[in-house]
C-alpha atoms as a PDB file:
ATOM      1  CA  MET A   1      59.948 -39.654 -40.657  1.00  0.00           C
ATOM      2  CA  LYS A   2      58.751 -40.693 -37.640  1.00  0.00           C
ATOM      3  CA  TRP A   3      54.632 -39.887 -36.516  1.00  0.00           C
ATOM      4  CA  ILE A   4      53.251 -39.512 -33.323  1.00  0.00           C
ATOM      5  CA  THR A   5      49.444 -41.417 -33.276  1.00  0.00           C
ATOM      6  CA  THR A   6      46.419 -41.529 -31.322  1.00  0.00           C
ATOM      7  CA  PHE A   7      43.970 -43.914 -32.715  1.00  0.00           C
ATOM      8  CA  LEU A   8      40.250 -44.547 -31.393  1.00  0.00           C
ATOM      9  CA  ILE A   9      39.823 -48.392 -30.894  1.00  0.00           C
ATOM     10  CA  ILE A  10      36.155 -49.123 -32.044  1.00  0.00           C
ATOM     11  CA  LEU A  11      34.861 -52.430 -30.460  1.00  0.00           C
ATOM     12  CA  SER A  12      32.251 -53.987 -32.705  1.00  0.00           C
ATOM     13  CA  PHE A  13      28.767 -55.913 -31.254  1.00  0.00           C
ATOM     14  CA  SER A  14      26.510 -57.745 -32.785  1.00  0.00           C
ATOM     15  CA  GLY A  15      23.153 -54.739 -32.217  1.00  0.00           C
ATOM     16  CA  TYR A  16      23.239 -51.418 -32.761  1.00  0.00           C
ATOM     17  CA  SER A  17      23.554 -48.742 -29.630  1.00  0.00           C
ATOM     18  CA  GLN A  18      21.066 -45.927 -29.299  1.00  0.00           C
ATOM     19  CA  GLN A  19      23.037 -42.877 -28.193  1.00  0.00           C
ATOM     20  CA  THR A  20      21.353 -40.058 -25.896  1.00  0.00           C
ATOM     21  CA  SER A  21      20.592 -36.682 -27.152  1.00  0.00           C
ATOM     22  CA  TRP A  22      24.076 -34.965 -25.513  1.00  0.00           C
ATOM     23  CA  THR A  23      27.735 -36.213 -24.420  1.00  0.00           C
ATOM     24  CA  TYR A  24      28.294 -38.000 -21.164  1.00  0.00           C
ATOM     25  CA  ASN A  25      31.540 -36.421 -19.462  1.00  0.00           C
ATOM     26  CA  HIS A  26      34.874 -35.596 -20.983  1.00  0.00           C
ATOM     27  CA  PRO A  27      33.991 -35.546 -24.535  1.00  0.00           C
ATOM     28  CA  VAL A  28      36.986 -34.755 -27.207  1.00  0.00           C
ATOM     29  CA  TRP A  29      36.369 -34.001 -30.768  1.00  0.00           C
ATOM     30  CA  TYR A  30      38.764 -34.564 -33.607  1.00  0.00           C
ATOM     31  CA  TYR A  31      38.469 -32.579 -36.695  1.00  0.00           C
ATOM     32  CA  ALA A  32      40.334 -32.761 -39.752  1.00  0.00           C
ATOM     33  CA  TYR A  33      40.821 -29.570 -42.007  1.00  0.00           C
ATOM     34  CA  THR A  34      42.620 -28.740 -44.970  1.00  0.00           C
ATOM     35  CA  ASN A  35      43.346 -24.952 -46.414  1.00  0.00           C
ATOM     36  CA  VAL A  36      45.506 -23.216 -49.382  1.00  0.00           C
ATOM     37  CA  ALA A  37      49.386 -24.678 -48.647  1.00  0.00           C
ATOM     38  CA  GLU A  38      48.376 -26.281 -45.073  1.00  0.00           C
ATOM     39  CA  SER A  39      46.382 -29.116 -43.433  1.00  0.00           C
ATOM     40  CA  GLY A  40      45.907 -30.675 -40.332  1.00  0.00           C
ATOM     41  CA  TYR A  41      43.473 -30.975 -37.073  1.00  0.00           C
ATOM     42  CA  ILE A  42      41.287 -29.643 -34.647  1.00  0.00           C
ATOM     43  CA  LYS A  43      41.056 -31.175 -30.836  1.00  0.00           C
ATOM     44  CA  LEU A  44      38.185 -29.331 -29.334  1.00  0.00           C
ATOM     45  CA  VAL A  45      37.931 -30.666 -25.338  1.00  0.00           C
ATOM     46  CA  ASP A  46      35.843 -30.195 -22.179  1.00  0.00           C
ATOM     47  CA  SER A  47      38.179 -28.306 -20.269  1.00  0.00           C
ATOM     48  CA  GLY A  48      35.368 -28.118 -16.887  1.00  0.00           C
ATOM     49  CA  ASP A  49      32.372 -26.328 -16.105  1.00  0.00           C
ATOM     50  CA  THR A  50      31.475 -22.607 -15.637  1.00  0.00           C
ATOM     51  CA  ILE A  51      28.464 -20.786 -14.058  1.00  0.00           C
ATOM     52  CA  LEU A  52      26.880 -18.163 -16.847  1.00  0.00           C
ATOM     53  CA  GLN A  53      24.086 -16.651 -16.094  1.00  0.00           C
ATOM     54  CA  GLY A  54      22.913 -18.639 -13.075  1.00  0.00           C
ATOM     55  CA  ARG A  55      23.658 -22.376 -15.383  1.00  0.00           C
ATOM     56  CA  THR A  56      26.061 -24.615 -15.254  1.00  0.00           C
ATOM     57  CA  CYS A  57      28.003 -24.525 -18.783  1.00  0.00           C
ATOM     58  CA  MET A  58      30.776 -27.035 -20.154  1.00  0.00           C
ATOM     59  CA  LYS A  59      33.850 -25.030 -21.778  1.00  0.00           C
ATOM     60  CA  LEU A  60      34.764 -26.395 -24.861  1.00  0.00           C
ATOM     61  CA  ASN A  61      38.524 -25.155 -25.878  1.00  0.00           C
ATOM     62  CA  ALA A  62      40.285 -25.908 -28.876  1.00  0.00           C
ATOM     63  CA  THR A  63      43.381 -26.196 -30.459  1.00  0.00           C
ATOM     64  CA  LYS A  64      44.347 -25.811 -34.218  1.00  0.00           C
ATOM     65  CA  TYR A  65      47.597 -27.840 -35.379  1.00  0.00           C
ATOM     66  CA  SER A  66      48.664 -26.632 -38.839  1.00  0.00           C
ATOM     67  CA  PHE A  67      51.602 -28.563 -40.725  1.00  0.00           C
ATOM     68  CA  PHE A  68      53.132 -26.923 -44.216  1.00  0.00           C
ATOM     69  CA  ILE A  69      55.527 -27.668 -46.166  1.00  0.00           C
ATOM     70  CA  THR A  70      58.361 -25.437 -45.856  1.00  0.00           C
ATOM     71  CA  GLY A  71      60.166 -26.081 -49.599  1.00  0.00           C
ATOM     72  CA  PRO A  72      60.721 -28.762 -52.251  1.00  0.00           C
ATOM     73  CA  ASN A  73      62.468 -31.108 -50.675  1.00  0.00           C
ATOM     74  CA  GLY A  74      59.782 -31.970 -48.325  1.00  0.00           C
ATOM     75  CA  GLY A  75      60.890 -30.417 -45.263  1.00  0.00           C
ATOM     76  CA  MET A  76      57.730 -29.451 -42.883  1.00  0.00           C
ATOM     77  CA  PHE A  77      57.039 -27.739 -39.735  1.00  0.00           C
ATOM     78  CA  GLU A  78      54.317 -27.775 -37.383  1.00  0.00           C
ATOM     79  CA  THR A  79      52.373 -25.380 -35.295  1.00  0.00           C
ATOM     80  CA  ASN A  80      49.193 -25.089 -32.726  1.00  0.00           C
ATOM     81  CA  SER A  81      47.578 -22.130 -32.533  1.00  0.00           C
ATOM     82  CA  SER A  82      43.874 -21.721 -31.041  1.00  0.00           C
ATOM     83  CA  TYR A  83      40.414 -22.209 -32.544  1.00  0.00           C
ATOM     84  CA  ILE A  84      36.955 -21.172 -32.218  1.00  0.00           C
ATOM     85  CA  SER A  85      36.070 -21.753 -28.157  1.00  0.00           C
ATOM     86  CA  GLY A  86      33.226 -21.672 -26.658  1.00  0.00           C
ATOM     87  CA  VAL A  87      30.661 -22.155 -23.444  1.00  0.00           C
ATOM     88  CA  VAL A  88      27.362 -24.292 -23.916  1.00  0.00           C
ATOM     89  CA  TYR A  89      24.604 -26.113 -21.839  1.00  0.00           C
ATOM     90  CA  ASN A  90      22.399 -28.597 -22.259  1.00  0.00           C
ATOM     91  CA  SER A  91      18.728 -28.120 -21.862  1.00  0.00           C
ATOM     92  CA  ASN A  92      15.598 -30.045 -22.751  1.00  0.00           C
ATOM     93  CA  ASP A  93      17.257 -31.489 -25.368  1.00  0.00           C
ATOM     94  CA  THR A  94      18.388 -27.994 -26.695  1.00  0.00           C
ATOM     95  CA  ILE A  95      21.919 -27.039 -26.719  1.00  0.00           C
ATOM     96  CA  PHE A  96      23.071 -23.234 -26.162  1.00  0.00           C
ATOM     97  CA  HIS A  97      26.220 -21.488 -26.789  1.00  0.00           C
ATOM     98  CA  TRP A  98      27.302 -18.440 -25.490  1.00  0.00           C
ATOM     99  CA  ASN A  99      27.550 -15.582 -27.837  1.00  0.00           C
ATOM    100  CA  ASN A 100      29.615 -12.184 -26.305  1.00  0.00           C
ATOM    101  CA  ASP A 101      26.428 -11.481 -23.494  1.00  0.00           C
ATOM    102  CA  HIS A 102      23.998 -13.679 -24.251  1.00  0.00           C
ATOM    103  CA  PHE A 103      22.947 -17.621 -25.207  1.00  0.00           C
ATOM    104  CA  ASN A 104      22.352 -18.479 -28.481  1.00  0.00           C
ATOM    105  CA  VAL A 105      20.970 -21.719 -29.863  1.00  0.00           C
ATOM    106  CA  LEU A 106      23.211 -24.135 -30.992  1.00  0.00           C
ATOM    107  CA  TYR A 107      22.081 -27.888 -31.856  1.00  0.00           C
ATOM    108  CA  VAL A 108      18.315 -28.536 -31.263  1.00  0.00           C
ATOM    109  CA  PHE A 109      18.185 -32.978 -30.983  1.00  0.00           C
ATOM    110  CA  ASN A 110      14.671 -33.402 -31.630  1.00  0.00           C
ATOM    111  CA  PRO A 111      13.791 -30.819 -34.181  1.00  0.00           C
ATOM    112  CA  VAL A 112      10.844 -30.600 -36.995  1.00  0.00           C
ATOM    113  CA  LEU A 113      11.787 -30.504 -40.822  1.00  0.00           C
ATOM    114  CA  ASN A 114      11.947 -26.808 -41.786  1.00  0.00           C
ATOM    115  CA  GLN A 115      12.552 -25.517 -38.308  1.00  0.00           C
ATOM    116  CA  GLN A 116      14.697 -22.302 -38.341  1.00  0.00           C
ATOM    117  CA  TRP A 117      17.060 -20.914 -35.294  1.00  0.00           C
ATOM    118  CA  VAL A 118      19.220 -17.996 -34.768  1.00  0.00           C
ATOM    119  CA  VAL A 119      22.624 -19.730 -34.297  1.00  0.00           C
ATOM    120  CA  PHE A 120      24.545 -16.402 -33.946  1.00  0.00           C
ATOM    121  CA  ASP A 121      23.718 -12.736 -34.129  1.00  0.00           C
ATOM    122  CA  ASN A 122      26.062  -9.418 -33.965  1.00  0.00           C
ATOM    123  CA  THR A 123      27.627 -10.561 -37.687  1.00  0.00           C
ATOM    124  CA  PRO A 124      27.494  -7.764 -40.105  1.00  0.00           C
ATOM    125  CA  PHE A 125      30.305  -8.206 -42.131  1.00  0.00           C
ATOM    126  CA  LEU A 126      31.044  -9.130 -45.830  1.00  0.00           C
ATOM    127  CA  ASN A 127      27.502  -7.523 -45.978  1.00  0.00           C
ATOM    128  CA  CYS A 128      25.802 -10.490 -44.087  1.00  0.00           C
ATOM    129  CA  ASN A 129      23.070 -10.142 -42.221  1.00  0.00           C
ATOM    130  CA  ASP A 130      23.164  -8.683 -38.150  1.00  0.00           C
ATOM    131  CA  SER A 131      21.447 -12.433 -37.263  1.00  0.00           C
ATOM    132  CA  SER A 132      22.778 -15.986 -39.174  1.00  0.00           C
ATOM    133  CA  ARG A 133      20.534 -18.368 -39.331  1.00  0.00           C
ATOM    134  CA  VAL A 134      20.367 -22.390 -39.960  1.00  0.00           C
ATOM    135  CA  GLN A 135      17.281 -24.555 -41.265  1.00  0.00           C
ATOM    136  CA  VAL A 136      16.671 -27.948 -40.743  1.00  0.00           C
ATOM    137  CA  ILE A 137      16.135 -30.146 -44.616  1.00  0.00           C
ATOM    138  CA  ALA A 138      16.209 -33.632 -43.501  1.00  0.00           C
ATOM    139  CA  THR A 139      16.077 -36.032 -40.690  1.00  0.00           C
ATOM    140  CA  GLY A 140      16.827 -39.933 -40.185  1.00  0.00           C
ATOM    141  CA  THR A 141      18.874 -42.059 -38.609  1.00  0.00           C
ATOM    142  CA  GLU A 142      22.530 -42.697 -39.029  1.00  0.00           C
ATOM    143  CA  ILE A 143      24.972 -46.138 -37.690  1.00  0.00           C
ATOM    144  CA  LEU A 144      28.405 -45.316 -37.299  1.00  0.00           C
ATOM    145  CA  ASN A 145      30.905 -48.140 -35.792  1.00  0.00           C
ATOM    146  CA  ASN A 146      27.695 -49.807 -34.476  1.00  0.00           C
ATOM    147  CA  ASN A 147      25.935 -46.789 -32.377  1.00  0.00           C
ATOM    148  CA  GLN A 148      22.910 -45.370 -33.729  1.00  0.00           C
ATOM    149  CA  PHE A 149      22.203 -41.894 -33.903  1.00  0.00           C
ATOM    150  CA  ASP A 150      19.217 -39.860 -35.057  1.00  0.00           C
ATOM    151  CA  TYR A 151      20.232 -36.882 -37.109  1.00  0.00           C
ATOM    152  CA  TYR A 152      19.419 -33.799 -38.981  1.00  0.00           C
ATOM    153  CA  GLN A 153      20.813 -32.014 -41.830  1.00  0.00           C
ATOM    154  CA  LEU A 154      21.495 -28.281 -41.559  1.00  0.00           C
ATOM    155  CA  THR A 155      21.755 -25.865 -44.251  1.00  0.00           C
ATOM    156  CA  THR A 156      22.693 -22.466 -43.428  1.00  0.00           C
ATOM    157  CA  LEU A 157      20.175 -19.653 -44.829  1.00  0.00           C
ATOM    158  CA  ALA A 158      21.367 -16.692 -47.251  1.00  0.00           C
ATOM    159  CA  GLY A 159      22.143 -13.603 -45.448  1.00  0.00           C
ATOM    160  CA  SER A 160      24.255 -15.621 -42.872  1.00  0.00           C
ATOM    161  CA  GLY A 161      27.701 -14.256 -41.335  1.00  0.00           C
ATOM    162  CA  VAL A 162      28.464 -17.467 -40.107  1.00  0.00           C
ATOM    163  CA  GLY A 163      26.414 -20.998 -39.617  1.00  0.00           C
ATOM    164  CA  ILE A 164      26.931 -24.923 -39.634  1.00  0.00           C
ATOM    165  CA  ASP A 165      26.300 -26.776 -43.533  1.00  0.00           C
ATOM    166  CA  SER A 166      26.015 -30.594 -41.998  1.00  0.00           C
ATOM    167  CA  LYS A 167      24.310 -33.820 -41.250  1.00  0.00           C
ATOM    168  CA  VAL A 168      24.375 -33.545 -37.204  1.00  0.00           C
ATOM    169  CA  CYS A 169      24.125 -36.363 -34.553  1.00  0.00           C
ATOM    170  CA  ASN A 170      22.862 -37.074 -31.546  1.00  0.00           C
ATOM    171  CA  THR A 171      25.768 -36.871 -29.034  1.00  0.00           C
ATOM    172  CA  ILE A 172      28.281 -36.046 -31.001  1.00  0.00           C
ATOM    173  CA  GLY A 173      27.262 -32.826 -33.456  1.00  0.00           C
ATOM    174  CA  PRO A 174      28.296 -32.197 -36.747  1.00  0.00           C
ATOM    175  CA  LEU A 175      29.945 -34.941 -39.372  1.00  0.00           C
ATOM    176  CA  GLY A 176      30.807 -32.583 -42.027  1.00  0.00           C
ATOM    177  CA  ALA A 177      31.589 -29.193 -39.810  1.00  0.00           C
ATOM    178  CA  TYR A 178      33.267 -27.988 -36.936  1.00  0.00           C
ATOM    179  CA  PHE A 179      31.147 -28.266 -33.550  1.00  0.00           C
ATOM    180  CA  PHE A 180      30.747 -23.908 -33.508  1.00  0.00           C
ATOM    181  CA  PRO A 181      29.244 -22.315 -36.178  1.00  0.00           C
ATOM    182  CA  THR A 182      32.276 -20.656 -39.156  1.00  0.00           C
ATOM    183  CA  THR A 183      32.527 -17.959 -41.372  1.00  0.00           C
ATOM    184  CA  ARG A 184      30.399 -17.436 -44.416  1.00  0.00           C
ATOM    185  CA  ASN A 185      30.645 -14.708 -47.310  1.00  0.00           C
ATOM    186  CA  CYS A 186      28.311 -13.132 -48.273  1.00  0.00           C
ATOM    187  CA  ASP A 187      29.890 -10.648 -50.773  1.00  0.00           C
ATOM    188  CA  SER A 188      30.420 -12.231 -54.136  1.00  0.00           C
ATOM    189  CA  THR A 189      32.984  -9.662 -54.534  1.00  0.00           C
ATOM    190  CA  ILE A 190      35.520 -11.572 -52.340  1.00  0.00           C
ATOM    191  CA  ILE A 191      36.849 -14.944 -52.665  1.00  0.00           C
ATOM    192  CA  PRO A 192      38.452 -15.710 -48.879  1.00  0.00           C
ATOM    193  CA  GLU A 193      39.841 -18.817 -48.016  1.00  0.00           C
ATOM    194  CA  PHE A 194      37.791 -20.770 -45.543  1.00  0.00           C
ATOM    195  CA  ASP A 195      39.228 -24.271 -43.562  1.00  0.00           C
ATOM    196  CA  GLN A 196      37.414 -27.241 -45.303  1.00  0.00           C
ATOM    197  CA  ILE A 197      36.267 -29.016 -42.006  1.00  0.00           C
ATOM    198  CA  HIS A 198      34.655 -32.625 -40.801  1.00  0.00           C
ATOM    199  CA  LEU A 199      34.658 -34.692 -37.814  1.00  0.00           C
ATOM    200  CA  ILE A 200      37.136 -37.729 -38.013  1.00  0.00           C
ATOM    201  CA  CYS A 201      36.935 -38.812 -34.329  1.00  0.00           C
ATOM    202  CA  PHE A 202      34.778 -38.558 -31.093  1.00  0.00           C
ATOM    203  CA  GLU A 203      35.104 -39.968 -27.865  1.00  0.00           C
ATOM    204  CA  ASP A 204      33.780 -39.602 -24.487  1.00  0.00           C
ATOM    205  CA  ASP A 205      33.320 -41.855 -21.340  1.00  0.00           C
ATOM    206  CA  SER A 206      30.626 -43.788 -23.029  1.00  0.00           C
ATOM    207  CA  ILE A 207      31.208 -43.962 -26.538  1.00  0.00           C
ATOM    208  CA  ALA A 208      34.170 -44.057 -29.248  1.00  0.00           C
ATOM    209  CA  VAL A 209      33.379 -42.913 -32.816  1.00  0.00           C
ATOM    210  CA  ASN A 210      36.048 -42.823 -35.667  1.00  0.00           C
ATOM    211  CA  PRO A 211      33.475 -43.113 -39.036  1.00  0.00           C
ATOM    212  CA  ASP A 212      36.119 -44.147 -41.301  1.00  0.00           C
ATOM    213  CA  ASN A 213      38.500 -45.362 -39.432  1.00  0.00           C
ATOM    214  CA  GLU A 214      41.318 -42.479 -39.543  1.00  0.00           C
ATOM    215  CA  ILE A 215      44.075 -41.314 -37.948  1.00  0.00           C
ATOM    216  CA  CYS A 216      43.012 -39.002 -34.890  1.00  0.00           C
ATOM    217  CA  GLU A 217      45.655 -37.121 -33.688  1.00  0.00           C
ATOM    218  CA  TRP A 218      49.080 -37.184 -35.357  1.00  0.00           C
ATOM    219  CA  HIS A 219      52.455 -34.963 -34.443  1.00  0.00           C
ATOM    220  CA  LEU A 220      55.952 -34.489 -36.044  1.00  0.00           C
ATOM    221  CA  GLY A 221      58.172 -36.745 -34.381  1.00  0.00           C
ATOM    222  CA  THR A 222      61.450 -35.215 -32.991  1.00  0.00           C
ATOM    223  CA  GLU A 223      64.145 -37.407 -34.750  1.00  0.00           C
ATOM    224  CA  ASP A 224      63.226 -35.839 -38.259  1.00  0.00           C
ATOM    225  CA  ASN A 225      61.672 -33.508 -39.854  1.00  0.00           C
ATOM    226  CA  GLN A 226      61.577 -34.634 -43.262  1.00  0.00           C
ATOM    227  CA  ILE A 227      58.456 -36.704 -45.427  1.00  0.00           C
ATOM    228  CA  GLU A 228      58.484 -38.520 -47.913  1.00  0.00           C
ATOM    229  CA  THR A 229      56.548 -36.366 -51.090  1.00  0.00           C
ATOM    230  CA  PHE A 230      55.446 -37.729 -54.005  1.00  0.00           C
ATOM    231  CA  SER A 231      56.028 -36.907 -57.807  1.00  0.00           C
ATOM    232  CA  TYR A 232      52.617 -36.152 -59.521  1.00  0.00           C
ATOM    233  CA  TYR A 233      52.100 -35.808 -63.029  1.00  0.00           C
ATOM    234  CA  PRO A 234      50.839 -34.097 -65.135  1.00  0.00           C
ATOM    235  CA  ASN A 235      49.214 -31.391 -63.063  1.00  0.00           C
ATOM    236  CA  PRO A 236      46.810 -29.448 -64.513  1.00  0.00           C
ATOM    237  CA  THR A 237      45.669 -32.398 -65.982  1.00  0.00           C
ATOM    238  CA  THR A 238      42.852 -33.369 -68.577  1.00  0.00           C
ATOM    239  CA  GLY A 239      42.384 -37.084 -67.108  1.00  0.00           C
ATOM    240  CA  ASP A 240      44.938 -39.198 -66.039  1.00  0.00           C
ATOM    241  CA  LEU A 241      47.404 -38.578 -63.244  1.00  0.00           C
ATOM    242  CA  LEU A 242      50.172 -40.111 -62.567  1.00  0.00           C
ATOM    243  CA  LEU A 243      52.021 -40.748 -58.911  1.00  0.00           C
ATOM    244  CA  SER A 244      55.067 -42.477 -58.108  1.00  0.00           C
ATOM    245  CA  ALA A 245      56.858 -42.309 -54.581  1.00  0.00           C
ATOM    246  CA  GLU A 246      60.040 -43.789 -53.052  1.00  0.00           C
ATOM    247  CA  HIS A 247      57.969 -46.863 -51.664  1.00  0.00           C
ATOM    248  CA  GLU A 248      54.702 -47.656 -51.606  1.00  0.00           C
ATOM    249  CA  ILE A 249      51.626 -45.197 -52.096  1.00  0.00           C
ATOM    250  CA  GLY A 250      49.130 -46.431 -49.878  1.00  0.00           C
ATOM    251  CA  ASP A 251      45.367 -44.987 -49.779  1.00  0.00           C
ATOM    252  CA  ILE A 252      44.818 -42.319 -51.636  1.00  0.00           C
ATOM    253  CA  SER A 253      41.903 -39.745 -51.580  1.00  0.00           C
ATOM    254  CA  ILE A 254      40.541 -36.770 -54.207  1.00  0.00           C
ATOM    255  CA  ILE A 255      38.529 -34.295 -52.039  1.00  0.00           C
ATOM    256  CA  ASP A 256      36.446 -31.362 -53.467  1.00  0.00           C
ATOM    257  CA  LEU A 257      37.004 -27.725 -52.109  1.00  0.00           C
ATOM    258  CA  PHE A 258      34.142 -28.124 -50.135  1.00  0.00           C
ATOM    259  CA  GLY A 259      35.484 -31.009 -48.114  1.00  0.00           C
ATOM    260  CA  ASN A 260      33.651 -33.880 -50.152  1.00  0.00           C
ATOM    261  CA  CYS A 261      35.619 -36.943 -51.282  1.00  0.00           C
ATOM    262  CA  VAL A 262      34.993 -37.856 -54.744  1.00  0.00           C
ATOM    263  CA  LEU A 263      37.561 -40.639 -55.365  1.00  0.00           C
ATOM    264  CA  ARG A 264      39.546 -43.108 -53.338  1.00  0.00           C
ATOM    265  CA  SER A 265      42.224 -45.539 -54.516  1.00  0.00           C
ATOM    266  CA  GLN A 266      45.162 -47.734 -52.877  1.00  0.00           C
ATOM    267  CA  THR A 267      47.765 -49.673 -53.904  1.00  0.00           C
ATOM    268  CA  ASN A 268      50.926 -50.994 -52.280  1.00  0.00           C
ATOM    269  CA  GLU A 269      53.036 -50.633 -54.895  1.00  0.00           C
ATOM    270  CA  SER A 270      55.172 -47.061 -55.917  1.00  0.00           C
ATOM    271  CA  PHE A 271      53.359 -46.323 -59.111  1.00  0.00           C
ATOM    272  CA  LEU A 272      50.014 -45.301 -59.628  1.00  0.00           C
ATOM    273  CA  LYS A 273      47.463 -44.133 -62.343  1.00  0.00           C
ATOM    274  CA  ILE A 274      44.655 -42.427 -61.151  1.00  0.00           C
ATOM    275  CA  ASP A 275      41.477 -41.572 -63.750  1.00  0.00           C
ATOM    276  CA  MET A 276      40.016 -38.220 -63.358  1.00  0.00           C
ATOM    277  CA  THR A 277      38.093 -37.916 -66.430  1.00  0.00           C
ATOM    278  CA  PHE A 278      34.806 -38.431 -64.465  1.00  0.00           C
ATOM    279  CA  LEU A 279      35.282 -35.208 -62.802  1.00  0.00           C
ATOM    280  CA  ALA A 280      34.232 -31.283 -62.827  1.00  0.00           C
ATOM    281  CA  ASN A 281      37.476 -29.102 -63.860  1.00  0.00           C
ATOM    282  CA  GLY A 282      38.585 -27.151 -60.846  1.00  0.00           C
ATOM    283  CA  ILE A 283      41.164 -27.509 -58.199  1.00  0.00           C
ATOM    284  CA  TYR A 284      41.071 -30.644 -56.088  1.00  0.00           C
ATOM    285  CA  LEU A 285      43.055 -31.822 -52.952  1.00  0.00           C
ATOM    286  CA  LEU A 286      45.251 -34.869 -52.651  1.00  0.00           C
ATOM    287  CA  LYS A 287      45.717 -36.498 -49.606  1.00  0.00           C
ATOM    288  CA  SER A 288      47.600 -40.175 -48.391  1.00  0.00           C
ATOM    289  CA  THR A 289      47.581 -41.740 -45.588  1.00  0.00           C
ATOM    290  CA  LYS A 290      50.898 -42.500 -45.321  1.00  0.00           C
ATOM    291  CA  ASN A 291      51.422 -38.942 -45.093  1.00  0.00           C
ATOM    292  CA  PRO A 292      48.308 -37.605 -43.689  1.00  0.00           C
ATOM    293  CA  SER A 293      48.954 -33.697 -42.582  1.00  0.00           C
ATOM    294  CA  VAL A 294      50.058 -33.395 -46.255  1.00  0.00           C
ATOM    295  CA  ILE A 295      48.126 -32.096 -49.228  1.00  0.00           C
ATOM    296  CA  TYR A 296      48.813 -31.802 -52.887  1.00  0.00           C
ATOM    297  CA  PHE A 297      46.728 -29.047 -54.872  1.00  0.00           C
ATOM    298  CA  ILE A 298      45.425 -30.988 -58.546  1.00  0.00           C
ATOM    299  CA  GLN A 299      43.817 -28.907 -61.208  1.00  0.00           C
ATOM    300  CA  LYS A 300      41.738 -30.576 -63.791  1.00  0.00           C
ATOM    301  CA  THR A 301      40.821 -29.149 -67.113  1.00  0.00           C
ATOM    302  CA  ASN A 302      39.715 -30.121 -70.313  1.00  0.00           C
END
């Protein structure tokens, strides 16, 4: 299997570098996402300036790269499509984004605890309120690749049609969510399938950040579209999950449906036993660094 991949090379220094509130020129964000029967990444890029209501704004355009398994023998195909994009501008450490015919506050980089703001309005769907609000519930500092960032934790308030639930760092934005607000559900009778998203890489003219040293960008090669898949059993499992592969398994992550990594394991062998007895019952995603575009669904039961 030939993959075309992109990494960010992180240089380490003895001291910490304090970052500014908003990005320098030419920012690029990479977000990993998972959903039912698919996974991939989203690339958000600065695509130039535009003028709105007399303000010079930055256009941010996103492309979603999706990977699907086509059958039991591991055939795969890749697609790409437009994703949530937007227009933003920075004023006094506040980022505003264009919402249909006006600007809403997106991020405040010097907030106080419990501060709230409307991130989106005119969203009366799935029994949600007309306005979507977020609130600051914690603040602090975060060290990422020897860069120090001020951060705050955002939560989406009940009744909001879209929101942001994540730690938000100066310069780069949210770590555990997408840059722009994403859809929420206010109707308990409906179970929608939303993308689970987290930041994997960020770079601009000043810094490069890759918090977990992950692959930033990958594509199927042109020579072959077959991958080596794992055998994993039993599924559902009450405790032990057994993995086997033709070659070495490498690094394995178990992720819950909120996007949290709940278990990691690594081996250079072609066989691995994972103890899941301490995990709550439910559905989990299994990912491997050997095949970063593929996810496997595991059910934990009693």
